[in-house]
Amino acid sequence: MARVHAIETRIEKLNPSIDEYFTSGFLNRDELRKVVRQRRHWEYRLVAKPLLLLDVRDAVRYELDLEQRLRAYCESTKVELKHRWAILERIEYIYRVGLKHLKKKSEWESIRKEFITFLKHQHRHGSLSKLYAELMIKYPTRSDLWVEAALWEAMGLNNVHNARSIIQRALLTMTADPVVWTAGLRIELHFISRSLRRFIEEYVDQKQSKKFRKEISHSSVTDVGGTGGQMNHDKGTELRISDQMRAEDEHLSKIVLDLELCKVVVDEALQGPAFSPTLVTQLLTTAGEFSFTRDLILTILNDGQHRMLEVLGSDHTTQRVRTEWQEGGLSAVLKPFIMVDHILVNGYRSVLVDSATFVDNEGSARRPSPETRRTATMKSLATVFTLADQKPGCIMNMTGNSDAVGQLLCNAAHELLDAIKGHCGHGVSRICLKLLNTQTVNVVDAVRWLLNVERLNEQETETYVVYARNRVQILERLVQDTLGVGATSPSKTTKAHLGKRKGDSVKLRWPTGLLSDLIAVEDRAALWSSLIGAQGSQTASEALDADALDRFLLWLRLEERERQKGSKTTKTTGAVAALQRKAIEDFLIRYRLLPSSSGSSGPKTNDSGDRTLCLLSRKQALSFRDSQTTPLSVWRLFSALEMLHSRVSSFGETKKDSDDDDDDENDNRRDSSLSFRSFVEAGLNFIAGMTYASLSRAEQWERATGICTLVRSRFHTFTGLKRFTREDMLSWMCGAEKASLKTDVQMLFSEVRDLLRPPNGQLDRCQPLPRFCLVHVMLPFLEALVLFYSQDVASKSEKEDALNHARATHERVVNIYQHTKHPEDFIPLLYDGVTKDVREVKASRHTVERFNADDWVSFVTFEREVAKDLNAARTVVERARRWTLAPQQLLVMLGRV
């Protein structure tokens, strides 16, 4: 009764506004009763235990619709209401109820963001400031709330004083949080930007008024020559804006033009406990959003490089911090330091200049010419090649991991080459070919090829070669001075270890796959000849390494691309495909992954059928041992073979009489036990030979890529499709009435059953399977197969078989989430078939919950629409409510089905 009384009391408090809406003509009597009834309904929902996020949103949505109607009515009738904003106040009340009673963190955060967006959209600035004050008091250690409040005060209300106070109070308890320091820098830069804009506007107004007065004063003068000379004299003696600012207020000019206050914030951040690769990256990103921060970015890079070396060289640094800097410090500090010229011109939204230049140009950032962009990129590229050529020991081992520094140089070189390829594509192609052939390139030759000249003149040598050497010397001197390398008594063992000169032993591994896209067509023949020469020089006992495999896959990919773009005649296409098949087989034989053709047991070189059977032999199958002897990316060879060969099921088959059918079936059984059906099955057998738990995160992503690509390539062999949706699969099955097509469907279904059959199915052995493979390839085919067999009454047994396999595959999908306690970081769940690098994956609990809800809804939809079994669908719904990771999201999605 107390709850009912409280609800009725709240409804009565809304009566004055409701009465005014009735008397003003906005609502008639029926509409008034409906509004009261709906509000009473939502009041009861808002006091329910537990409170649902869906109820809060629906209540807000109802009030927003009412507010929209009221706004349109007031604009059309010009009526002024005393309780005009009562609906908005009620929406605020509903949001506050949600913030108070929602317990789940994700739901609370979602409703908070919606509340803030609503207040900003409705321009209720006082309510928003009050909300931020309440949240900061309630959550004194949540840096994101304090930062949002400070940025709102600075940029939303232009109250820099309050914003600084909030940041200073936040730093008392969250000094080690990089987000707070970054927000402080953003506030100061915003203040300086507004100040500079104001000074520029005042100067322009003074300039215009002065010009106007001068035109009036000289309008009565008839001596045009004397007047023109006087005006030119005044224009020549006119001071720049920056000089006027320094002359008027020296203290303010230091803050605004020299960015002294921003440099103080940066210095305090880098010297404090918040110093980390994340902090440096965030500071650079924030500074790059403003066009006048060139000097500030150089300060961040120089001080950040110095502080990183101090942390790595200190005996008091913990192992966690040391590991963090060894892994992330290179990309956060060293890479921008080396590529600073390219970053300042091409790395941000606009070209970065110093504050004085920005003011003198009246705030208009001039767009650089293509020549300026190319020069900046070539300077950075020359610096990278100089480092890669000299390999100074103190720099290569500055973090204790020289291989990581070498890999950074390789990736930086590719990024710069990709940026400059539009200006000098032929030179970039020659550089890439040189890197892939000899793994090194001289900086003079690289600059010469990019400029397309025979010899560099003195100015070009000074601009690129000498400048790059000076940059390397500056970095080397900084490392030596900070770590104490070469000092008389380096007492600290850590500094001595970091400064140990072993840069000459560093092997640079250039990104073969990335450089392949930069090689011109006319240079690919040279790449193939160098590849054959490199392979021919290797001994037969040498193990296959990742470099050799990447180089071979590069050539194979370029040849395949050229084959697809070239002639469509059967002779030319077949000849190129035969060359690629022969090259793959020779490559595997050269590294003893297959027996040599010269032996008595090996296949005949000129017999393509024998070579294919050798590749598919279970006795001679490739097996995965470890990444040191057999690279995981060998699966790409099987994928290439699958695309190059015709269907393996046709090998060795001849037209026989019907009397020999039984003999053929027995031969097929014996052949299936001795060899694989396809290169996809052989590739899956190779992948199944590894232990998932023993792989690194990058190798797990490569494994998931291999499984999905192999399965998709086999489906493409049969269907010719590039997308494998249920509708596309069904249209392929129903596209023709030929017996051969039905045979293809049966053969593909037979292979899918064999791949998934436990415990010896090759795909079943590759546990845990990627969700993408099951959801986007297997399930569309099996569901389309059920619908296909449903059209034929005589295929009842085939339909039941396909139905059982589809249902079992759905069970596999929903059971993937039980393989780990941390699904938000589980690679088989996160693989999406699009992202190339695992480092680009942004895992989150929300994403996994959405996947889980989608999978359960897909299971229910399958039972209702494909299997047409309502009892089974009801059972799946009950299971989904118990086991889903997102109950409310599931209910919403089920309501839409």
Foldseek 3Di string as FASTA:
>chain_A
DVLVVVLVVVLVVCVVVLVQCPVVPVDDPVRSVVVSVVSSVLSVQLPDPQRDLVSLVVVLVVLVVVLVSLVVVCVVVVDDDPCNCVSVVVNLVSLVSCCVRDDDPVSNVVSVVVSLVVCVVVVVVVVNLVVLVVVCVVCVQDVVSLLVNLCCCCPVVVNLVVSVVSLVSSCVRPVQALSSLLSVLLSLVSVLVVVLLVLLVVVVVVVVVVVVVLCVVCVPPPPPVVSVVVVVVCVVPDDFSLVVVCVVDVVVSCCNQVVPVSLVSLVSSCPDNNNALVNLQSNLVSLLVDQACLVVNVSSQVSNLLSLLLLQLDPPRDPVRLVRCLPRVCVSHVLCLLLVLLCQQPVGPAHHHHRSVCSRVSNDGDRDDPVSNLLSLLQSLLLLQVCVVVQWQLVLLSSPHNQVVLQSSQVSNLVSLVVCCVPQLQLSQVVLLCCLQPVHDDSQSSLCSRVVHPHDDPVSCVSHVVSSVVSVVVSVVSSCVSLVPPPPPNPRPSSCSSRDGDRVVHRRQHQLVSSLVSHDPVCLVVLVVSLVVVLVPDQQQDFDAPSNVSSLVSSVVVLVVCLVVDDPDPVVSLVSLVVNVLVLLVVCCSNPLFPDCPDPPHPPSPDPLRSVQRAFFPVSFGADDDNVGDNLVCLVSLLSVLVSDAQQVPRPDDDDDPVCVVVVVVVVVVSVVGGPRGSLLSSLNRLLRDDLVPDDPQVNLVSQLSNQSSLQSVVCSLQVDPFQALVSLLCSLPVDDDPVSVVSLVVVVVLVCQLCPPDPRSVNSNPPHALCNLPGHVLSNLLSQLVNLVVPPVCPVVNVVSVVVNLVSLVSNLCVVVPDPCVLSDSSDQDDNPDDGPVPGDGDPVVSLVVNLVSLVVSLCCVCPRVVPVVVSVVSVVVCCVDGPDNVVNVVVVVVD
